Amino acid sequence: MDFIVKLPQSVIQGVQLPNDSILVVVDRRSKMAHFIPTQETVTAEGTAKLVFNYVICKHGVPETVVSDRGPQFRSRFWKTILELIGSKPSLSTAYHPQTDGQTERTNQCLETYLRLYSNYDQDNWASILPQAEFAYNNSFHSSIGMSPHMACTGDDMNMASLTTAPPKPPMWDNPEATRIKERIAQVQSHLQKYLELSQGRYKKQADAHRREEIDFQVGDEVLVSTRNIRTTRASKKLES
C-alpha cells in the first residue's frame, strides 16, 4: 500500500472534510486494487480504519502488509494493530520505492486516469475514484492472465452491456444516461490499453536491469553509494 499525496482538494458530496490524497492498496496475488480518498495528514489510527473498512471487511486479514516508510506505517500503533490482527508489516527499502513496485505501477495508471478525466478545476477526482477502481479491477492483467475481479471471485463481471448496443432501444430517451454509459465504456477501453502498454514497458525495463543475485558473505567488502546518506561534513561536493 502507498499514498498518492499533494493532490488538489476534492470534496465528496455529503462529506465535509476535503481530500488531498489517495491511499492505494493492491493485493499481491490477484492484483485487486482499492483507491481510497483521504487526507495527507491522516494518522496511523486513521489509516488503520481505512484499511479495515475498505479492505479487511471485503477480503479478510492480509498475511503481510508491504508499505512505504511514511510516518503512518512506522508508528508503534500501526505495528501493534497489525500484530494484533495477525499481519506482518514489511517496509520498503529506504530510497528504493521499487520494493513495492506493484503499487507504484498502479499509482502511475491511476494518476494517468485522473489527468484524463478530472474536470478543469481538478476538484472532482475523489468522486470518480470508484469508477477508476471498477475499470481497473475488471481489466485484463497480463501478469495473472485475467482480471483482478476474476482472480478474486472466479467469474468476470458482466461488462458486455457497457460496450454493446442494447437489444432494443430503451423506453425513454435520456441523453444523460446515455452519456454516463458511454463514459464508463470509454474509461474501460482506455485503462485496458494503458495497462497493456505499461505492463509491456515495465517488463522491458525490468529485463534490461535484471542481473544475477550476488551472494554476499560475512566479512565481504562492498561499495556503498552515499547519495542519500547525510553527514555532518561541511560540503557534500568534497566528500569522496
Protein backbone atom coordinates (compact mmCIF):
# COMPACT_ATOMS: atom_id res chain seq x y z
CA MET A 1 0.00 0.00 0.00
CA ASP A 2 1.09 3.54 -0.69
CA PHE A 3 -0.17 7.13 -0.64
CA ILE A 4 -0.57 9.49 -3.59
CA VAL A 5 -0.31 12.90 -1.94
CA LYS A 6 -0.43 16.64 -2.64
CA LEU A 7 -3.45 16.45 -4.96
CA PRO A 8 -5.86 19.38 -5.42
CA GLN A 9 -8.54 19.41 -2.73
CA SER A 10 -11.60 17.40 -3.73
CA VAL A 11 -14.84 17.09 -1.76
CA ILE A 12 -17.19 14.10 -1.94
CA GLN A 13 -20.86 15.01 -1.68
CA GLY A 14 -22.04 14.59 1.90
CA VAL A 15 -18.50 14.66 3.33
CA GLN A 16 -17.31 17.98 4.74
CA LEU A 17 -13.57 17.33 5.01
CA PRO A 18 -11.83 17.79 1.62
CA ASN A 19 -9.48 15.09 0.33
CA ASP A 20 -5.98 15.75 -0.98
CA SER A 21 -4.54 12.23 -1.05
CA ILE A 22 -5.33 8.66 -2.10
CA LEU A 23 -4.46 5.50 -0.20
CA VAL A 24 -3.75 2.83 -2.83
CA VAL A 25 -3.95 -0.80 -1.71
CA VAL A 26 -3.04 -3.62 -4.14
CA ASP A 27 -3.25 -7.36 -3.49
CA ARG A 28 -0.01 -9.10 -4.46
CA ARG A 29 -1.66 -12.23 -5.85
CA SER A 30 -4.88 -11.12 -7.53
CA LYS A 31 -3.77 -7.53 -8.36
CA MET A 32 -7.11 -6.33 -6.96
CA ALA A 33 -6.77 -2.62 -6.13
CA HIS A 34 -8.68 -0.21 -3.92
CA PHE A 35 -8.40 3.57 -4.29
CA ILE A 36 -9.35 5.29 -1.03
CA PRO A 37 -9.70 9.11 -0.82
CA THR A 38 -8.17 10.61 2.32
CA GLN A 39 -6.01 13.45 3.64
CA GLU A 40 -2.22 13.74 3.70
CA THR A 41 -2.45 14.42 7.45
CA VAL A 42 -4.21 11.11 8.17
CA THR A 43 -2.79 9.43 11.27
CA ALA A 44 -1.80 5.80 11.78
CA GLU A 45 -5.14 5.28 13.55
CA GLY A 46 -7.00 6.83 10.63
CA THR A 47 -5.07 4.72 8.13
CA ALA A 48 -5.90 1.57 10.09
CA LYS A 49 -9.61 2.46 9.98
CA LEU A 50 -9.46 2.98 6.21
CA VAL A 51 -7.73 -0.36 5.67
CA PHE A 52 -10.26 -2.12 7.90
CA ASN A 53 -13.33 -0.53 6.28
CA TYR A 54 -12.24 -0.71 2.64
CA VAL A 55 -10.02 -3.81 2.55
CA ILE A 56 -10.31 -6.18 5.50
CA CYS A 57 -14.12 -6.03 5.59
CA LYS A 58 -14.17 -7.09 1.92
CA HIS A 59 -11.28 -9.55 1.69
CA GLY A 60 -10.25 -10.59 5.19
CA VAL A 61 -6.97 -10.09 7.03
CA PRO A 62 -3.82 -9.97 4.84
CA GLU A 63 -0.83 -12.14 5.73
CA THR A 64 1.69 -9.37 5.00
CA VAL A 65 1.32 -5.61 4.51
CA VAL A 66 4.02 -4.01 2.32
CA SER A 67 4.16 -0.22 2.56
CA ASP A 68 6.48 2.72 2.14
CA ARG A 69 8.28 4.29 5.09
CA GLY A 70 5.70 7.01 5.75
CA PRO A 71 5.09 8.06 9.37
CA GLN A 72 1.74 6.25 9.41
CA PHE A 73 3.44 2.92 8.71
CA ARG A 74 6.42 3.41 11.04
CA SER A 75 4.34 4.26 14.12
CA ARG A 76 4.06 1.98 17.13
CA PHE A 77 0.27 1.97 16.76
CA TRP A 78 0.44 0.63 13.19
CA LYS A 79 2.87 -2.14 14.12
CA THR A 80 0.78 -3.07 17.15
CA ILE A 81 -2.55 -3.22 15.30
CA LEU A 82 -1.03 -5.44 12.59
CA GLU A 83 0.41 -7.73 15.24
CA LEU A 84 -2.99 -7.96 16.96
CA ILE A 85 -4.81 -8.99 13.76
CA GLY A 86 -2.07 -11.38 12.69
CA SER A 87 -0.50 -9.44 9.79
CA LYS A 88 3.22 -8.97 9.29
CA PRO A 89 4.37 -5.41 8.43
CA SER A 90 7.03 -5.01 5.74
CA LEU A 91 8.51 -1.59 4.95
CA SER A 92 10.04 -0.82 1.57
CA THR A 93 13.79 -0.23 1.46
CA ALA A 94 14.72 3.41 2.06
CA TYR A 95 15.16 5.39 -1.20
CA HIS A 96 14.04 2.32 -3.19
CA PRO A 97 10.27 2.65 -3.79
CA GLN A 98 10.55 -0.16 -6.36
CA THR A 99 10.43 -2.55 -3.38
CA ASP A 100 6.68 -2.06 -3.66
CA GLY A 101 6.82 -1.80 -7.45
CA GLN A 102 3.37 -3.30 -7.88
CA THR A 103 1.69 -0.39 -6.08
CA GLU A 104 3.96 2.12 -7.81
CA ARG A 105 2.79 0.87 -11.22
CA THR A 106 -0.84 1.01 -10.11
CA ASN A 107 -0.27 4.59 -8.93
CA GLN A 108 1.02 5.56 -12.38
CA CYS A 109 -2.04 4.07 -14.04
CA LEU A 110 -4.39 5.83 -11.60
CA GLU A 111 -2.64 9.19 -11.99
CA THR A 112 -2.97 8.93 -15.78
CA TYR A 113 -6.69 8.25 -15.39
CA LEU A 114 -7.13 11.27 -13.09
CA ARG A 115 -5.26 13.55 -15.50
CA LEU A 116 -7.56 12.49 -18.34
CA TYR A 117 -10.91 12.51 -16.58
CA SER A 118 -10.69 15.20 -13.90
CA ASN A 119 -12.55 18.42 -14.64
CA TYR A 120 -10.85 21.72 -15.47
CA ASP A 121 -10.63 22.76 -11.79
CA GLN A 122 -9.30 19.29 -10.85
CA ASP A 123 -11.59 19.18 -7.83
CA ASN A 124 -13.76 16.19 -8.79
CA TRP A 125 -11.16 13.41 -8.70
CA ALA A 126 -12.42 11.96 -5.40
CA SER A 127 -15.88 11.38 -6.85
CA ILE A 128 -14.54 9.49 -9.90
CA LEU A 129 -12.27 7.13 -7.93
CA PRO A 130 -14.96 4.40 -7.67
CA GLN A 131 -15.25 4.34 -11.47
CA ALA A 132 -11.46 4.12 -11.80
CA GLU A 133 -11.37 1.23 -9.33
CA PHE A 134 -14.19 -0.53 -11.16
CA ALA A 135 -12.45 -0.22 -14.53
CA TYR A 136 -9.04 -1.23 -13.16
CA ASN A 137 -10.26 -4.35 -11.38
CA ASN A 138 -12.22 -5.51 -14.42
CA SER A 139 -9.38 -5.03 -16.92
CA PHE A 140 -7.19 -7.90 -18.15
CA HIS A 141 -3.80 -8.09 -16.39
CA SER A 142 -1.14 -9.96 -18.36
CA SER A 143 0.81 -10.88 -15.21
CA ILE A 144 -2.04 -13.10 -13.96
CA GLY A 145 -3.75 -13.85 -17.28
CA MET A 146 -7.13 -12.50 -16.16
CA SER A 147 -8.80 -9.55 -14.47
CA PRO A 148 -8.36 -9.00 -10.71
CA HIS A 149 -12.11 -9.49 -10.28
CA MET A 150 -11.86 -12.89 -11.97
CA ALA A 151 -8.88 -13.81 -9.78
CA CYS A 152 -10.81 -12.96 -6.61
CA THR A 153 -14.27 -14.29 -7.45
CA GLY A 154 -13.71 -16.87 -10.19
CA ASP A 155 -16.06 -15.01 -12.51
CA ASP A 156 -15.84 -11.99 -14.78
CA MET A 157 -18.14 -9.10 -14.08
CA ASN A 158 -20.73 -8.56 -16.83
CA MET A 159 -19.26 -5.78 -18.97
CA ALA A 160 -20.73 -6.61 -22.39
CA SER A 161 -23.75 -4.35 -21.92
CA LEU A 162 -21.43 -1.38 -21.43
CA THR A 163 -19.68 -1.78 -24.78
CA THR A 164 -22.52 -3.02 -26.99
CA ALA A 165 -25.85 -1.57 -28.02
CA PRO A 166 -28.93 -2.87 -26.15
CA PRO A 167 -31.07 -5.47 -27.99
CA LYS A 168 -33.84 -2.91 -28.18
CA PRO A 169 -33.88 0.84 -27.57
CA PRO A 170 -34.90 1.99 -24.08
CA MET A 171 -38.47 3.06 -23.47
CA TRP A 172 -37.42 6.64 -22.71
CA ASP A 173 -34.66 8.64 -24.34
CA ASN A 174 -32.34 10.10 -21.68
CA PRO A 175 -29.17 11.78 -23.02
CA GLU A 176 -27.57 11.94 -19.56
CA ALA A 177 -27.98 8.19 -19.00
CA THR A 178 -26.50 7.51 -22.44
CA ARG A 179 -23.59 9.84 -21.71
CA ILE A 180 -22.78 8.03 -18.45
CA LYS A 181 -22.77 4.64 -20.17
CA GLU A 182 -20.51 5.91 -22.96
CA ARG A 183 -18.14 7.44 -20.42
CA ILE A 184 -17.83 4.17 -18.48
CA ALA A 185 -17.11 2.27 -21.72
CA GLN A 186 -14.53 4.89 -22.72
CA VAL A 187 -12.75 4.66 -19.37
CA GLN A 188 -12.73 0.86 -19.50
CA SER A 189 -11.25 0.84 -23.00
CA HIS A 190 -8.61 3.45 -22.15
CA LEU A 191 -7.47 1.71 -18.97
CA GLN A 192 -7.22 -1.63 -20.74
CA LYS A 193 -4.96 -0.16 -23.43
CA TYR A 194 -2.86 1.70 -20.85
CA LEU A 195 -2.44 -1.44 -18.74
CA GLU A 196 -1.20 -3.40 -21.74
CA LEU A 197 1.30 -0.66 -22.65
CA SER A 198 2.56 -0.13 -19.10
CA GLN A 199 2.92 -3.87 -18.42
CA GLY A 200 4.94 -4.35 -21.60
CA ARG A 201 7.09 -1.31 -20.83
CA TYR A 202 7.73 -2.42 -17.25
CA LYS A 203 8.76 -5.93 -18.35
CA LYS A 204 11.19 -4.47 -20.88
CA GLN A 205 12.73 -2.17 -18.25
CA ALA A 206 12.92 -4.94 -15.67
CA ASP A 207 14.62 -7.33 -18.11
CA ALA A 208 17.15 -4.64 -19.05
CA HIS A 209 18.13 -4.04 -15.40
CA ARG A 210 17.87 -7.62 -14.17
CA ARG A 211 21.12 -9.16 -13.02
CA GLU A 212 22.19 -12.31 -11.26
CA GLU A 213 21.77 -12.18 -7.49
CA ILE A 214 25.06 -11.79 -5.62
CA ASP A 215 25.54 -13.96 -2.55
CA PHE A 216 27.45 -11.84 -0.01
CA GLN A 217 29.31 -13.47 2.85
CA VAL A 218 30.10 -12.06 6.29
CA GLY A 219 33.30 -10.04 6.03
CA ASP A 220 32.95 -9.17 2.33
CA GLU A 221 33.80 -5.56 1.42
CA VAL A 222 31.28 -3.67 -0.72
CA LEU A 223 30.92 -0.18 -2.16
CA VAL A 224 28.02 1.87 -0.78
CA SER A 225 26.51 4.89 -2.54
CA THR A 226 26.50 7.97 -0.28
CA ARG A 227 23.96 9.87 -2.38
CA ASN A 228 21.21 9.52 0.25
CA ILE A 229 23.41 9.41 3.35
CA ARG A 230 23.51 12.62 5.38
CA THR A 231 26.71 13.56 7.18
CA THR A 232 27.85 16.46 9.37
CA ARG A 233 30.64 17.47 6.97
CA ALA A 234 30.60 20.99 5.56
CA SER A 235 30.17 20.20 1.87
CA LYS A 236 28.90 17.11 0.09
CA LYS A 237 30.81 18.14 -3.03
CA LEU A 238 34.16 17.47 -1.33
CA GLU A 239 33.20 14.05 0.05
CA SER A 240 34.94 11.07 -1.52
